[in-house]
């Protein structure tokens, strides 16, 4: 029974993620803003011309912020 509930929850999340790629306006916005935001993360985490490991954390924050923007905070656990 628990596995069935987990499967349903995973399917629901997959449907939410697919929603991003179905909306052309959202896709265009992601394509225009994500590279710039990632570049800003690279600049912020660089030391002596080299990108540090913390760039991964900054990129994760950018992606989480994108999900919160698209789906709203009510879908966030």
N, C-alpha and C. Protein backbone atom coordinates (compact mmCIF):
# COMPACT_ATOMS: atom_id res chain seq x y z
N UNK A 1 0.82 -1.19 0.00
CA UNK A 1 0.00 0.00 0.00
C UNK A 1 0.87 1.26 0.00
N UNK A 2 1.95 1.22 0.78
CA UNK A 2 2.84 2.37 0.82
C UNK A 2 3.51 2.57 -0.55
N UNK A 3 3.92 1.48 -1.18
CA UNK A 3 4.54 1.60 -2.50
C UNK A 3 3.58 2.18 -3.52
N UNK A 4 2.31 1.80 -3.43
CA UNK A 4 1.29 2.32 -4.35
C UNK A 4 1.15 3.83 -4.17
N UNK A 5 1.17 4.29 -2.93
CA UNK A 5 1.07 5.73 -2.65
C UNK A 5 2.30 6.46 -3.18
N UNK A 6 3.47 5.86 -2.99
CA UNK A 6 4.69 6.48 -3.49
C UNK A 6 4.68 6.56 -5.01
N UNK A 7 4.20 5.51 -5.67
CA UNK A 7 4.11 5.51 -7.13
C UNK A 7 3.17 6.61 -7.62
N UNK A 8 2.04 6.78 -6.95
CA UNK A 8 1.09 7.82 -7.34
C UNK A 8 1.70 9.21 -7.15
N UNK A 9 2.43 9.38 -6.06
CA UNK A 9 3.07 10.67 -5.79
C UNK A 9 4.15 10.97 -6.84
N UNK A 10 4.92 9.96 -7.22
CA UNK A 10 5.95 10.13 -8.23
C UNK A 10 5.32 10.47 -9.59
N UNK A 11 4.21 9.82 -9.93
CA UNK A 11 3.53 10.09 -11.18
C UNK A 11 3.00 11.53 -11.20
N UNK A 12 2.48 11.97 -10.07
CA UNK A 12 1.98 13.34 -9.97
C UNK A 12 3.11 14.34 -10.16
N UNK A 13 4.26 14.07 -9.56
CA UNK A 13 5.42 14.97 -9.72
C UNK A 13 5.91 14.97 -11.15
N UNK A 14 5.90 13.80 -11.79
CA UNK A 14 6.32 13.72 -13.19
C UNK A 14 5.40 14.57 -14.06
N UNK A 15 4.11 14.54 -13.78
CA UNK A 15 3.16 15.36 -14.53
C UNK A 15 3.44 16.84 -14.34
N UNK A 16 3.82 17.23 -13.11
CA UNK A 16 4.16 18.63 -12.86
C UNK A 16 5.38 19.03 -13.69
N UNK A 17 6.39 18.17 -13.72
CA UNK A 17 7.61 18.49 -14.47
C UNK A 17 7.32 18.56 -15.96
N UNK A 18 6.48 17.67 -16.45
CA UNK A 18 6.12 17.71 -17.88
C UNK A 18 5.39 19.00 -18.23
N UNK A 19 4.72 19.59 -17.25
CA UNK A 19 4.00 20.84 -17.47
C UNK A 19 4.95 21.94 -17.94
N UNK A 20 6.17 21.93 -17.45
CA UNK A 20 7.14 22.95 -17.83
C UNK A 20 7.39 22.91 -19.33
N UNK A 21 7.57 21.71 -19.86
CA UNK A 21 7.96 21.58 -21.26
C UNK A 21 6.79 21.67 -22.22
N UNK A 22 5.57 21.65 -21.72
CA UNK A 22 4.39 21.79 -22.57
C UNK A 22 4.04 23.26 -22.82
N UNK A 23 4.44 24.13 -21.94
CA UNK A 23 4.12 25.55 -22.06
C UNK A 23 5.25 26.27 -22.79
N UNK A 24 4.97 26.71 -24.01
CA UNK A 24 6.00 27.33 -24.85
C UNK A 24 6.53 28.61 -24.23
N UNK A 25 5.68 29.38 -23.59
CA UNK A 25 6.13 30.63 -22.97
C UNK A 25 7.14 30.37 -21.86
N UNK A 26 6.88 29.35 -21.06
CA UNK A 26 7.80 29.01 -19.98
C UNK A 26 9.13 28.52 -20.56
N UNK A 27 9.07 27.68 -21.59
CA UNK A 27 10.29 27.16 -22.22
C UNK A 27 11.13 28.30 -22.77
N UNK A 28 10.51 29.27 -23.44
CA UNK A 28 11.25 30.40 -23.99
C UNK A 28 11.87 31.24 -22.88
N UNK A 29 11.14 31.39 -21.79
CA UNK A 29 11.67 32.17 -20.67
C UNK A 29 12.87 31.47 -20.04
N UNK A 30 12.77 30.15 -19.90
CA UNK A 30 13.88 29.37 -19.34
C UNK A 30 15.10 29.48 -20.26
N UNK A 31 14.88 29.34 -21.56
CA UNK A 31 15.98 29.40 -22.52
C UNK A 31 16.67 30.75 -22.52
N UNK A 32 15.94 31.80 -22.24
CA UNK A 32 16.56 33.12 -22.24
C UNK A 32 17.24 33.46 -20.92
N UNK A 33 16.70 32.99 -19.82
CA UNK A 33 17.22 33.40 -18.52
C UNK A 33 18.21 32.42 -17.88
N UNK A 34 18.03 31.13 -18.10
CA UNK A 34 18.86 30.14 -17.41
C UNK A 34 20.35 30.28 -17.74
N UNK A 35 20.75 30.45 -19.00
CA UNK A 35 22.18 30.61 -19.26
C UNK A 35 22.78 31.82 -18.56
N UNK A 36 22.04 32.91 -18.53
CA UNK A 36 22.55 34.12 -17.86
C UNK A 36 22.68 33.90 -16.35
N UNK A 37 21.69 33.25 -15.77
CA UNK A 37 21.75 32.97 -14.33
C UNK A 37 22.90 32.03 -14.00
N UNK A 38 23.12 31.02 -14.84
CA UNK A 38 24.24 30.10 -14.62
C UNK A 38 25.57 30.83 -14.78
N UNK A 39 25.65 31.76 -15.72
CA UNK A 39 26.87 32.54 -15.90
C UNK A 39 27.13 33.40 -14.67
N UNK A 40 26.07 33.97 -14.11
CA UNK A 40 26.22 34.76 -12.89
C UNK A 40 26.70 33.89 -11.73
N UNK A 41 26.20 32.65 -11.66
CA UNK A 41 26.65 31.72 -10.63
C UNK A 41 28.13 31.40 -10.81
N UNK A 42 28.57 31.23 -12.05
CA UNK A 42 29.99 30.97 -12.32
C UNK A 42 30.85 32.14 -11.87
N UNK A 43 30.42 33.34 -12.19
CA UNK A 43 31.18 34.53 -11.80
C UNK A 43 31.24 34.66 -10.29
N UNK A 44 30.11 34.44 -9.64
CA UNK A 44 30.05 34.59 -8.18
C UNK A 44 30.91 33.56 -7.45
N UNK A 45 31.07 32.37 -8.03
CA UNK A 45 31.82 31.32 -7.33
C UNK A 45 33.24 31.17 -7.85
N UNK A 46 33.70 32.10 -8.67
CA UNK A 46 35.06 31.98 -9.20
C UNK A 46 36.06 32.66 -8.27
N UNK A 47 37.21 32.04 -8.18
CA UNK A 47 38.33 32.57 -7.40
C UNK A 47 39.58 32.46 -8.26
N UNK A 48 40.26 33.54 -8.44
CA UNK A 48 41.49 33.58 -9.24
C UNK A 48 41.27 33.00 -10.63
N UNK A 49 40.10 33.30 -11.21
CA UNK A 49 39.83 32.85 -12.57
C UNK A 49 39.35 31.42 -12.70
N UNK A 50 39.20 30.71 -11.60
CA UNK A 50 38.74 29.32 -11.64
C UNK A 50 37.41 29.22 -10.91
N UNK A 51 36.52 28.41 -11.45
CA UNK A 51 35.20 28.23 -10.85
C UNK A 51 35.31 27.22 -9.72
N UNK A 52 34.80 27.59 -8.55
CA UNK A 52 34.86 26.72 -7.39
C UNK A 52 33.73 25.70 -7.37
N UNK A 53 33.84 24.76 -6.45
CA UNK A 53 32.86 23.69 -6.36
C UNK A 53 31.49 24.19 -5.92
N UNK A 54 31.43 25.32 -5.25
CA UNK A 54 30.15 25.83 -4.77
C UNK A 54 29.24 26.29 -5.89
N UNK A 55 29.74 26.31 -7.13
CA UNK A 55 28.89 26.68 -8.25
C UNK A 55 27.73 25.70 -8.38
N UNK A 56 27.94 24.45 -8.03
CA UNK A 56 26.86 23.46 -8.09
C UNK A 56 25.71 23.81 -7.17
N UNK A 57 26.05 24.27 -5.98
CA UNK A 57 25.02 24.67 -5.01
C UNK A 57 24.23 25.86 -5.54
N UNK A 58 24.93 26.81 -6.11
CA UNK A 58 24.25 27.99 -6.66
C UNK A 58 23.33 27.60 -7.83
N UNK A 59 23.79 26.69 -8.68
CA UNK A 59 22.95 26.24 -9.79
C UNK A 59 21.72 25.50 -9.28
N UNK A 60 21.90 24.70 -8.24
CA UNK A 60 20.74 24.01 -7.64
C UNK A 60 19.73 25.02 -7.12
N UNK A 61 20.20 26.07 -6.48
CA UNK A 61 19.29 27.11 -5.97
C UNK A 61 18.53 27.77 -7.10
N UNK A 62 19.20 27.99 -8.23
CA UNK A 62 18.54 28.59 -9.39
C UNK A 62 17.43 27.68 -9.90
N UNK A 63 17.72 26.39 -10.00
CA UNK A 63 16.72 25.44 -10.50
C UNK A 63 15.55 25.31 -9.54
N UNK A 64 15.82 25.28 -8.24
CA UNK A 64 14.74 25.21 -7.25
C UNK A 64 13.88 26.46 -7.34
N UNK A 65 14.51 27.62 -7.50
CA UNK A 65 13.75 28.86 -7.64
C UNK A 65 12.88 28.81 -8.90
N UNK A 66 13.39 28.21 -9.96
CA UNK A 66 12.60 28.06 -11.18
C UNK A 66 11.37 27.20 -10.92
N UNK A 67 11.55 26.07 -10.23
CA UNK A 67 10.41 25.21 -9.92
C UNK A 67 9.39 25.92 -9.03
N UNK A 68 9.87 26.67 -8.06
CA UNK A 68 8.95 27.41 -7.19
C UNK A 68 8.18 28.45 -8.00
N UNK A 69 8.84 29.08 -8.94
CA UNK A 69 8.17 30.07 -9.79
C UNK A 69 7.10 29.42 -10.66
N UNK A 70 7.44 28.29 -11.27
CA UNK A 70 6.53 27.65 -12.21
C UNK A 70 5.35 27.00 -11.49
N UNK A 71 5.63 26.27 -10.42
CA UNK A 71 4.59 25.48 -9.76
C UNK A 71 3.97 26.15 -8.56
N UNK A 72 4.62 27.15 -8.01
CA UNK A 72 4.12 27.79 -6.80
C UNK A 72 4.59 27.07 -5.56
N UNK A 73 4.56 27.75 -4.46
CA UNK A 73 5.08 27.20 -3.21
C UNK A 73 4.21 26.08 -2.66
N UNK A 74 2.92 26.01 -3.06
CA UNK A 74 2.05 24.98 -2.52
C UNK A 74 2.45 23.58 -2.98
N UNK A 75 3.22 23.48 -4.07
CA UNK A 75 3.67 22.16 -4.55
C UNK A 75 5.01 21.76 -3.96
N UNK A 76 5.61 22.64 -3.19
CA UNK A 76 6.93 22.39 -2.63
C UNK A 76 6.83 21.67 -1.30
N UNK A 77 7.61 20.61 -1.15
CA UNK A 77 7.66 19.87 0.12
C UNK A 77 9.05 19.98 0.71
